[in-house]
Amino acid sequence: MAITTLDLLIAGMLPAEEIVKSSFTGEAVGGLHSTFYVAGRPGAATVPSPGLAGAALTSYAGQIPFPAAVGGKNIHLARFEAAQTSSVGSVILCDRLWHNSGIVVTTTTAQTVNSVTWPSRDRNGATLGDGVMVGIEVSTATTNAGAVTNTTMSYTNQAGTSGRTATMASFPATAVAGTFVPFLLAAGDTGVRSIQSVTLGTSYAAGAVHLVAYRRIAALGTPQTSVGVSADGVSLGLPRLYDNSVPFLVYTLSGTAAGIVVGSVTWAQG
């Protein structure tokens, strides 16, 4: 039975999945940092290696544990809790739909991607891309001496319009592993259905980067160190996650040194 009331939400709540991520060094104040390669619980993920067309993800070692599908039941986020031990910022819960590898960081012309079809986990549980965003994630530090401001991506939007161009305001100099930089979509677009190519524009010099298609689920501000914050499913808008989701966290940095992050997510299935 679908969760349509508070009673059904409570009845469907599963045990909390605890999260503990080790401290790490991020890129800069205001930047985003993916926890995918950070040790802890869940453990650090293996660097993606599916090639430029990428892989549609239905599970991946290093994701936040997610309940197995049960016929006729939906899954919602019922509670989200987080605290940072020595820094402040925000913690963003996302569903990782797709990622790739094989981008040549010294090539400045268009590199063909032609991404495989997303799994059926856009905002509406379809493959059409509504609410699906794309970012560049660093797995091995780059060595570009200055910020790169001409990185672009050619994509098809959620309405099926091809030839759209996403831009990146600034990819940082010497981006450390975990750096996560979202693309800015063309005006009026609400998501990405597929990626045709990526153009770095300026050499990143060295390192390894990946495109990641993801859907934002929820976010928590952590304005005080070592003080936990939490939100229940109702205050978060009862976000739905679809079967075989691959949850992971992205942090907003208030400095380069990020402390241990602890927290939990609680799913409700019903």
Protein backbone atom coordinates (compact mmCIF):
# COMPACT_ATOMS: atom_id res chain seq x y z
CA MET A 1 0.00 0.00 0.00
CA ALA A 2 1.38 3.44 -0.90
CA ILE A 3 2.35 5.71 2.00
CA THR A 4 -0.33 8.40 2.03
CA THR A 5 -0.75 9.14 5.75
CA LEU A 6 1.48 9.78 8.76
CA ASP A 7 0.32 6.50 10.28
CA LEU A 8 1.42 4.58 7.20
CA LEU A 9 4.76 6.41 7.23
CA ILE A 10 5.40 5.41 10.83
CA ALA A 11 4.26 1.85 10.23
CA GLY A 12 6.62 1.52 7.28
CA MET A 13 9.76 2.90 8.95
CA LEU A 14 12.82 0.65 8.81
CA PRO A 15 15.81 0.69 11.19
CA ALA A 16 18.05 3.72 10.70
CA GLU A 17 21.13 3.37 8.48
CA GLU A 18 24.03 4.90 10.39
CA ILE A 19 26.55 7.07 8.53
CA VAL A 20 30.07 7.91 9.73
CA LYS A 21 32.46 9.50 7.24
CA SER A 22 36.08 10.24 8.10
CA SER A 23 37.54 13.74 8.06
CA PHE A 24 38.96 14.89 4.74
CA THR A 25 40.50 17.88 3.01
CA GLY A 26 38.19 19.59 0.55
CA GLU A 27 38.85 22.11 -2.18
CA ALA A 28 37.67 25.50 -0.92
CA VAL A 29 35.01 27.41 0.99
CA GLY A 30 31.66 27.16 -0.76
CA GLY A 31 32.69 24.18 -2.88
CA LEU A 32 30.96 20.81 -2.99
CA HIS A 33 32.66 17.57 -1.99
CA SER A 34 31.42 14.05 -2.79
CA THR A 35 31.84 11.49 -0.02
CA PHE A 36 32.03 8.64 -2.51
CA TYR A 37 35.75 8.06 -1.97
CA VAL A 38 35.83 8.91 1.75
CA ALA A 39 36.39 6.06 4.22
CA GLY A 40 33.87 5.24 6.91
CA ARG A 41 30.40 3.75 6.92
CA PRO A 42 29.61 3.15 4.15
CA GLY A 43 33.14 2.46 3.02
CA ALA A 44 34.99 4.25 0.24
CA ALA A 45 33.75 3.37 -3.25
CA THR A 46 35.88 1.97 -6.04
CA VAL A 47 36.70 4.46 -8.78
CA PRO A 48 34.24 4.02 -11.70
CA SER A 49 35.59 2.33 -14.84
CA PRO A 50 32.69 1.73 -17.30
CA GLY A 51 34.03 3.95 -20.11
CA LEU A 52 32.68 7.14 -21.62
CA ALA A 53 29.11 5.88 -22.22
CA GLY A 54 28.98 5.05 -18.52
CA ALA A 55 26.87 2.67 -16.50
CA ALA A 56 23.29 2.95 -15.23
CA LEU A 57 23.51 2.19 -11.52
CA THR A 58 21.18 -0.07 -9.54
CA SER A 59 23.67 -0.74 -6.72
CA TYR A 60 27.29 0.15 -6.04
CA ALA A 61 29.68 -0.77 -3.24
CA GLY A 62 30.14 2.34 -1.13
CA GLN A 63 26.55 3.60 -1.40
CA ILE A 64 24.37 4.24 1.65
CA PRO A 65 22.48 0.96 2.22
CA PHE A 66 19.06 0.94 0.58
CA PRO A 67 16.21 -1.54 1.12
CA ALA A 68 15.51 -4.28 -1.39
CA ALA A 69 12.50 -3.76 -3.61
CA VAL A 70 9.22 -5.24 -2.41
CA GLY A 71 6.39 -5.64 -4.92
CA GLY A 72 3.61 -3.10 -4.46
CA LYS A 73 5.55 -0.98 -1.93
CA ASN A 74 7.13 2.46 -2.33
CA ILE A 75 10.14 3.83 -0.46
CA HIS A 76 10.31 7.31 1.08
CA LEU A 77 12.85 9.17 3.17
CA ALA A 78 11.34 9.22 6.67
CA ARG A 79 14.18 10.91 8.60
CA PHE A 80 17.56 12.49 7.85
CA GLU A 81 20.09 13.36 10.57
CA ALA A 82 23.63 14.77 10.42
CA ALA A 83 26.37 16.51 12.41
CA GLN A 84 29.90 17.65 11.55
CA THR A 85 32.52 17.47 14.30
CA SER A 86 34.79 20.38 13.33
CA SER A 87 33.20 22.29 10.47
CA VAL A 88 29.86 23.70 9.37
CA GLY A 89 28.01 23.74 6.06
CA SER A 90 25.35 21.43 4.69
CA VAL A 91 24.92 17.76 3.88
CA ILE A 92 23.04 16.82 0.70
CA LEU A 93 21.51 13.39 0.11
CA CYS A 94 21.47 12.37 -3.56
CA ASP A 95 20.61 9.34 -5.67
CA ARG A 96 23.44 8.40 -8.04
CA LEU A 97 21.84 7.25 -11.31
CA TRP A 98 24.84 6.97 -13.64
CA HIS A 99 28.56 7.65 -13.83
CA ASN A 100 31.32 7.22 -16.37
CA SER A 101 35.08 7.11 -16.85
CA GLY A 102 37.56 7.56 -19.66
CA ILE A 103 37.51 11.36 -19.92
CA VAL A 104 40.94 12.49 -21.16
CA VAL A 105 41.80 15.44 -18.94
CA THR A 106 44.27 16.93 -21.42
CA THR A 107 41.84 16.95 -24.37
CA THR A 108 40.23 20.37 -24.85
CA THR A 109 37.85 19.51 -27.71
CA ALA A 110 34.52 17.66 -27.46
CA GLN A 111 34.71 14.09 -26.16
CA THR A 112 31.79 11.89 -27.24
CA VAL A 113 29.83 10.34 -24.38
CA ASN A 114 26.44 9.20 -25.76
CA SER A 115 25.37 8.02 -22.33
CA VAL A 116 23.42 4.81 -21.82
CA THR A 117 19.79 5.21 -20.73
CA TRP A 118 19.29 6.31 -17.13
CA PRO A 119 17.56 3.91 -14.76
CA SER A 120 13.89 4.69 -14.07
CA ARG A 121 14.60 7.03 -11.17
CA ASP A 122 14.04 10.59 -12.35
CA ARG A 123 11.65 12.80 -10.36
CA ASN A 124 8.71 10.81 -11.74
CA GLY A 125 10.26 7.35 -11.64
CA ALA A 126 10.92 7.45 -15.38
CA THR A 127 14.01 7.56 -17.64
CA LEU A 128 13.18 10.98 -19.12
CA GLY A 129 15.48 12.97 -16.87
CA ASP A 130 13.18 15.37 -15.01
CA GLY A 131 15.12 16.51 -11.93
CA VAL A 132 18.31 14.75 -13.03
CA MET A 133 21.44 16.89 -12.76
CA VAL A 134 25.03 16.20 -13.86
CA GLY A 135 28.31 17.10 -12.20
CA ILE A 136 32.02 16.47 -12.61
CA GLU A 137 33.47 14.39 -9.77
CA VAL A 138 37.24 14.14 -9.21
CA SER A 139 38.71 10.78 -8.16
CA THR A 140 42.41 11.71 -8.62
CA ALA A 141 43.51 15.31 -8.07
CA THR A 142 43.93 17.48 -11.15
CA THR A 143 46.89 19.81 -11.62
CA ASN A 144 45.45 22.66 -13.69
CA ALA A 145 47.23 25.82 -12.50
CA GLY A 146 44.18 28.06 -12.67
CA ALA A 147 40.40 27.80 -12.58
CA VAL A 148 38.80 26.56 -15.81
CA THR A 149 35.74 28.55 -16.89
CA ASN A 150 34.98 27.11 -20.34
CA THR A 151 33.92 23.53 -19.57
CA THR A 152 30.63 22.64 -21.30
CA MET A 153 28.36 19.63 -21.86
CA SER A 154 26.05 18.88 -24.78
CA TYR A 155 22.89 17.13 -23.62
CA THR A 156 19.24 16.28 -24.30
CA ASN A 157 16.84 17.83 -21.81
CA GLN A 158 13.89 16.32 -19.96
CA ALA A 159 11.54 17.23 -22.83
CA GLY A 160 13.65 15.37 -25.40
CA THR A 161 15.21 18.50 -26.93
CA SER A 162 18.75 17.69 -28.07
CA GLY A 163 21.65 20.05 -28.67
CA ARG A 164 21.30 21.81 -25.32
CA THR A 165 24.48 23.23 -23.75
CA ALA A 166 25.26 23.11 -20.03
CA THR A 167 27.99 25.33 -18.65
CA MET A 168 30.28 25.27 -15.63
CA ALA A 169 30.96 28.58 -13.93
CA SER A 170 34.36 27.46 -12.67
CA PHE A 171 36.21 24.19 -12.28
CA PRO A 172 38.78 24.90 -9.56
CA ALA A 173 42.56 24.88 -9.86
CA THR A 174 44.29 21.72 -8.62
CA ALA A 175 40.98 20.11 -7.67
CA VAL A 176 41.42 17.52 -4.93
CA ALA A 177 39.86 14.06 -5.02
CA GLY A 178 36.18 14.34 -4.09
CA THR A 179 35.68 17.77 -5.65
CA PHE A 180 32.16 17.85 -7.11
CA VAL A 181 31.13 20.60 -9.54
CA PRO A 182 27.58 20.62 -10.99
CA PHE A 183 26.80 21.81 -14.50
CA LEU A 184 24.38 24.70 -14.98
CA LEU A 185 21.59 23.75 -17.39
CA ALA A 186 20.25 25.90 -20.20
CA ALA A 187 17.44 28.30 -19.25
CA GLY A 188 14.10 26.57 -18.74
CA ASP A 189 15.47 23.04 -18.47
CA THR A 190 14.62 20.95 -15.41
CA GLY A 191 16.81 17.95 -16.05
CA VAL A 192 19.06 15.90 -18.29
CA ARG A 193 17.77 12.91 -20.28
CA SER A 194 21.11 11.99 -21.85
CA ILE A 195 24.63 13.33 -22.41
CA GLN A 196 26.09 13.56 -25.90
CA SER A 197 29.54 15.05 -25.21
CA VAL A 198 31.70 16.94 -22.74
CA THR A 199 34.24 19.63 -23.60
CA LEU A 200 36.75 20.53 -20.91
CA GLY A 201 37.78 23.61 -22.89
CA THR A 202 41.09 23.96 -21.06
CA SER A 203 43.36 21.10 -20.02
CA TYR A 204 42.95 19.84 -16.47
CA ALA A 205 46.61 18.75 -16.86
CA ALA A 206 46.47 15.48 -14.88
CA GLY A 207 44.24 13.41 -12.64
CA ALA A 208 40.95 11.60 -13.24
CA VAL A 209 37.43 13.01 -13.48
CA HIS A 210 34.01 11.49 -14.06
CA LEU A 211 30.56 12.67 -15.08
CA VAL A 212 27.87 11.78 -12.54
CA ALA A 213 24.11 11.96 -13.16
CA TYR A 214 22.24 12.34 -9.89
CA ARG A 215 18.97 13.45 -8.31
CA ARG A 216 18.93 15.59 -5.20
CA ILE A 217 16.72 14.06 -2.50
CA ALA A 218 17.13 16.26 0.60
CA ALA A 219 19.57 18.59 2.36
CA LEU A 220 20.36 19.54 5.96
CA GLY A 221 22.20 22.64 7.11
CA THR A 222 24.79 22.00 9.85
CA PRO A 223 25.39 25.51 11.24
CA GLN A 224 27.18 24.47 14.46
CA THR A 225 30.01 22.03 14.97
CA SER A 226 29.22 18.82 16.84
CA VAL A 227 25.53 19.72 17.10
CA GLY A 228 23.24 17.33 15.29
CA VAL A 229 20.38 18.48 13.12
CA SER A 230 17.53 16.37 11.82
CA ALA A 231 14.39 16.55 9.74
CA ASP A 232 11.50 14.15 9.45
CA GLY A 233 9.93 12.98 6.24
CA VAL A 234 6.99 15.35 6.49
CA SER A 235 9.14 18.48 6.83
CA LEU A 236 11.29 17.26 3.92
CA GLY A 237 8.23 16.83 1.71
CA LEU A 238 8.18 13.02 1.98
CA PRO A 239 10.64 12.55 -0.90
CA ARG A 240 10.26 9.30 -2.74
CA LEU A 241 13.19 7.14 -3.80
CA TYR A 242 12.67 4.49 -6.41
CA ASP A 243 13.67 0.83 -6.34
CA ASN A 244 17.42 0.18 -6.66
CA SER A 245 18.42 3.73 -5.67
CA VAL A 246 22.11 4.41 -4.98
CA PRO A 247 22.18 7.07 -2.22
CA PHE A 248 25.35 9.05 -1.45
CA LEU A 249 26.25 12.32 0.25
CA VAL A 250 27.67 15.60 -1.02
CA TYR A 251 28.93 18.25 1.43
CA THR A 252 28.99 22.01 1.11
CA LEU A 253 32.36 23.14 2.47
CA SER A 254 32.93 26.02 4.91
CA GLY A 255 36.69 25.46 4.75
CA THR A 256 39.19 23.01 3.33
CA ALA A 257 39.42 20.91 6.50
CA ALA A 258 36.20 18.97 6.98
CA GLY A 259 35.66 17.02 10.18
CA ILE A 260 34.05 13.67 10.73
CA VAL A 261 30.43 13.61 9.62
CA VAL A 262 27.99 11.41 11.50
CA GLY A 263 24.31 10.90 10.92
CA SER A 264 21.68 8.52 9.67
CA VAL A 265 18.93 8.04 7.17
CA THR A 266 15.69 6.23 7.89
CA TRP A 267 13.67 4.81 5.03
CA ALA A 268 9.96 4.00 5.13
CA GLN A 269 8.63 1.26 2.88
CA GLY A 270 4.96 0.80 2.29
